[in-house]
């Protein structure tokens, strides 16, 4: 970690920053953006890429499943698949969390 030397003419040794203003309420002192976690940034980036993909793929496609046949725009199919995938992902996370809580509860009761 690099240490900053005080600015010339600064008697306090804080580099020209007045005492008491270095730690604003709510800040952690790190380089985090205001409340944006890695998960939020990844979600926004993934959503942006999904929108770009949907805008570039607007042609109709024919989907065949067993004896059904559907003709839908590719962007709509992509959106439906993304929504279903996110529901499954969230559901698996809920199941995992429930199992871990149950295991901790059982271990505590023993």
C-alpha atoms as a PDB file:
ATOM      1  CA  UNK A   1       0.000   0.000   0.000  1.00  0.00           C
ATOM      2  CA  UNK A   2       1.416   3.364  -0.984  1.00  0.00           C
ATOM      3  CA  UNK A   3       1.632   6.081   1.609  1.00  0.00           C
ATOM      4  CA  UNK A   4       0.887   9.656   0.642  1.00  0.00           C
ATOM      5  CA  UNK A   5       3.202  12.384   1.761  1.00  0.00           C
ATOM      6  CA  UNK A   6       1.670  15.626   3.020  1.00  0.00           C
ATOM      7  CA  UNK A   7       1.284  18.463   0.577  1.00  0.00           C
ATOM      8  CA  UNK A   8       3.691  21.330   0.927  1.00  0.00           C
ATOM      9  CA  UNK A   9       2.351  23.884   3.366  1.00  0.00           C
ATOM     10  CA  UNK A  10       0.175  21.349   5.144  1.00  0.00           C
ATOM     11  CA  UNK A  11       1.037  21.256   8.820  1.00  0.00           C
ATOM     12  CA  UNK A  12      -1.504  18.585   9.722  1.00  0.00           C
ATOM     13  CA  UNK A  13       0.079  15.864   7.588  1.00  0.00           C
ATOM     14  CA  UNK A  14      -3.252  14.982   5.978  1.00  0.00           C
ATOM     15  CA  UNK A  15      -2.365  16.188   2.517  1.00  0.00           C
ATOM     16  CA  UNK A  16      -4.472  19.328   2.693  1.00  0.00           C
ATOM     17  CA  UNK A  17      -7.630  17.546   3.832  1.00  0.00           C
ATOM     18  CA  UNK A  18      -9.039  19.123   6.997  1.00  0.00           C
ATOM     19  CA  UNK A  19      -9.280  16.865  10.045  1.00  0.00           C
ATOM     20  CA  UNK A  20     -12.645  15.160  10.505  1.00  0.00           C
ATOM     21  CA  UNK A  21     -13.599  15.100   6.825  1.00  0.00           C
ATOM     22  CA  UNK A  22     -11.733  11.973   5.789  1.00  0.00           C
ATOM     23  CA  UNK A  23     -14.504   9.519   6.707  1.00  0.00           C
ATOM     24  CA  UNK A  24     -17.926  10.618   5.554  1.00  0.00           C
ATOM     25  CA  UNK A  25     -20.854   8.844   7.227  1.00  0.00           C
ATOM     26  CA  UNK A  26     -21.728   5.692   5.325  1.00  0.00           C
ATOM     27  CA  UNK A  27     -18.478   5.417   3.430  1.00  0.00           C
ATOM     28  CA  UNK A  28     -16.143   2.509   4.013  1.00  0.00           C
ATOM     29  CA  UNK A  29     -12.997   4.280   2.927  1.00  0.00           C
ATOM     30  CA  UNK A  30     -12.596   1.891  -0.024  1.00  0.00           C
ATOM     31  CA  UNK A  31     -13.068   2.555  -3.685  1.00  0.00           C
ATOM     32  CA  UNK A  32     -16.624   1.203  -3.782  1.00  0.00           C
ATOM     33  CA  UNK A  33     -19.204   3.085  -5.779  1.00  0.00           C
ATOM     34  CA  UNK A  34     -22.175   4.373  -3.829  1.00  0.00           C
ATOM     35  CA  UNK A  35     -23.967   1.134  -2.956  1.00  0.00           C
ATOM     36  CA  UNK A  36     -23.221  -0.807  -6.146  1.00  0.00           C
ATOM     37  CA  UNK A  37     -22.133  -4.319  -5.315  1.00  0.00           C
ATOM     38  CA  UNK A  38     -20.550  -6.744  -7.739  1.00  0.00           C
ATOM     39  CA  UNK A  39     -23.861  -8.560  -8.152  1.00  0.00           C
ATOM     40  CA  UNK A  40     -25.691  -5.379  -9.142  1.00  0.00           C
ATOM     41  CA  UNK A  41     -22.992  -4.453 -11.632  1.00  0.00           C
ATOM     42  CA  UNK A  42     -23.046  -7.963 -13.139  1.00  0.00           C
ATOM     43  CA  UNK A  43     -26.850  -7.870 -13.373  1.00  0.00           C
ATOM     44  CA  UNK A  44     -26.829  -4.491 -15.119  1.00  0.00           C
ATOM     45  CA  UNK A  45     -24.078  -5.591 -17.516  1.00  0.00           C
ATOM     46  CA  UNK A  46     -25.901  -8.851 -18.306  1.00  0.00           C
ATOM     47  CA  UNK A  47     -29.173  -6.997 -18.827  1.00  0.00           C
ATOM     48  CA  UNK A  48     -27.469  -4.536 -21.144  1.00  0.00           C
ATOM     49  CA  UNK A  49     -25.921  -7.335 -23.193  1.00  0.00           C
ATOM     50  CA  UNK A  50     -29.318  -9.062 -23.354  1.00  0.00           C
ATOM     51  CA  UNK A  51     -30.960  -5.894 -24.699  1.00  0.00           C
ATOM     52  CA  UNK A  52     -28.235  -5.479 -27.338  1.00  0.00           C
ATOM     53  CA  UNK A  53     -28.650  -9.119 -28.370  1.00  0.00           C
ATOM     54  CA  UNK A  54     -32.441  -8.741 -28.608  1.00  0.00           C
ATOM     55  CA  UNK A  55     -32.191  -5.553 -30.697  1.00  0.00           C
ATOM     56  CA  UNK A  56     -29.809  -7.244 -33.152  1.00  0.00           C
ATOM     57  CA  UNK A  57     -31.954 -10.392 -33.524  1.00  0.00           C
ATOM     58  CA  UNK A  58     -35.430  -9.351 -34.613  1.00  0.00           C
ATOM     59  CA  UNK A  59     -36.184 -11.962 -37.290  1.00  0.00           C
ATOM     60  CA  UNK A  60     -38.894 -14.609 -36.809  1.00  0.00           C
ATOM     61  CA  UNK A  61     -37.944 -18.189 -35.979  1.00  0.00           C
ATOM     62  CA  UNK A  62     -40.009 -21.377 -36.038  1.00  0.00           C
ATOM     63  CA  UNK A  63     -39.732 -23.539 -32.935  1.00  0.00           C
ATOM     64  CA  UNK A  64     -40.814 -27.168 -33.057  1.00  0.00           C
ATOM     65  CA  UNK A  65     -41.464 -29.175 -29.896  1.00  0.00           C
ATOM     66  CA  UNK A  66     -43.030 -32.637 -30.125  1.00  0.00           C
ATOM     67  CA  UNK A  67     -46.093 -31.989 -32.279  1.00  0.00           C
ATOM     68  CA  UNK A  68     -46.332 -28.221 -31.659  1.00  0.00           C
ATOM     69  CA  UNK A  69     -44.873 -25.596 -33.944  1.00  0.00           C
ATOM     70  CA  UNK A  70     -44.499 -21.895 -33.030  1.00  0.00           C
ATOM     71  CA  UNK A  71     -43.335 -18.920 -35.049  1.00  0.00           C
ATOM     72  CA  UNK A  72     -42.127 -16.123 -32.774  1.00  0.00           C
ATOM     73  CA  UNK A  73     -39.664 -13.254 -33.000  1.00  0.00           C
ATOM     74  CA  UNK A  74     -36.219 -14.322 -31.820  1.00  0.00           C
ATOM     75  CA  UNK A  75     -36.016 -11.378 -29.398  1.00  0.00           C
ATOM     76  CA  UNK A  76     -39.206 -12.552 -27.658  1.00  0.00           C
ATOM     77  CA  UNK A  77     -37.927 -16.131 -27.405  1.00  0.00           C
ATOM     78  CA  UNK A  78     -34.639 -14.822 -25.976  1.00  0.00           C
ATOM     79  CA  UNK A  79     -36.495 -12.738 -23.382  1.00  0.00           C
ATOM     80  CA  UNK A  80     -38.705 -15.674 -22.337  1.00  0.00           C
ATOM     81  CA  UNK A  81     -35.699 -17.995 -21.989  1.00  0.00           C
ATOM     82  CA  UNK A  82     -33.791 -15.363 -19.969  1.00  0.00           C
ATOM     83  CA  UNK A  83     -36.749 -14.874 -17.605  1.00  0.00           C
ATOM     84  CA  UNK A  84     -37.219 -18.621 -17.127  1.00  0.00           C
ATOM     85  CA  UNK A  85     -33.477 -19.039 -16.540  1.00  0.00           C
ATOM     86  CA  UNK A  86     -33.444 -16.311 -13.907  1.00  0.00           C
ATOM     87  CA  UNK A  87     -36.448 -17.872 -12.136  1.00  0.00           C
ATOM     88  CA  UNK A  88     -34.667 -21.235 -12.014  1.00  0.00           C
ATOM     89  CA  UNK A  89     -31.429 -19.557 -10.814  1.00  0.00           C
ATOM     90  CA  UNK A  90     -33.251 -17.716  -8.011  1.00  0.00           C
ATOM     91  CA  UNK A  91     -35.176 -20.868  -7.080  1.00  0.00           C
ATOM     92  CA  UNK A  92     -31.968 -22.887  -6.786  1.00  0.00           C
ATOM     93  CA  UNK A  93     -30.479 -20.163  -4.593  1.00  0.00           C
ATOM     94  CA  UNK A  94     -33.521 -20.269  -2.301  1.00  0.00           C
ATOM     95  CA  UNK A  95     -33.286 -24.063  -2.017  1.00  0.00           C
ATOM     96  CA  UNK A  96     -29.566 -23.873  -1.215  1.00  0.00           C
ATOM     97  CA  UNK A  97     -30.146 -21.220   1.439  1.00  0.00           C
ATOM     98  CA  UNK A  98     -32.944 -23.277   2.996  1.00  0.00           C
ATOM     99  CA  UNK A  99     -30.769 -26.399   3.139  1.00  0.00           C
ATOM    100  CA  UNK A 100     -27.896 -24.509   4.753  1.00  0.00           C
ATOM    101  CA  UNK A 101     -30.197 -22.968   7.371  1.00  0.00           C
ATOM    102  CA  UNK A 102     -31.680 -26.349   8.142  1.00  0.00           C
ATOM    103  CA  UNK A 103     -28.217 -27.915   8.458  1.00  0.00           C
ATOM    104  CA  UNK A 104     -27.073 -25.117  10.808  1.00  0.00           C
ATOM    105  CA  UNK A 105     -30.234 -25.485  12.878  1.00  0.00           C
ATOM    106  CA  UNK A 106     -29.756 -29.259  13.126  1.00  0.00           C
ATOM    107  CA  UNK A 107     -26.079 -28.839  14.060  1.00  0.00           C
ATOM    108  CA  UNK A 108     -26.999 -26.316  16.753  1.00  0.00           C
ATOM    109  CA  UNK A 109     -29.647 -28.628  18.239  1.00  0.00           C
ATOM    110  CA  UNK A 110     -27.186 -31.544  18.548  1.00  0.00           C
END
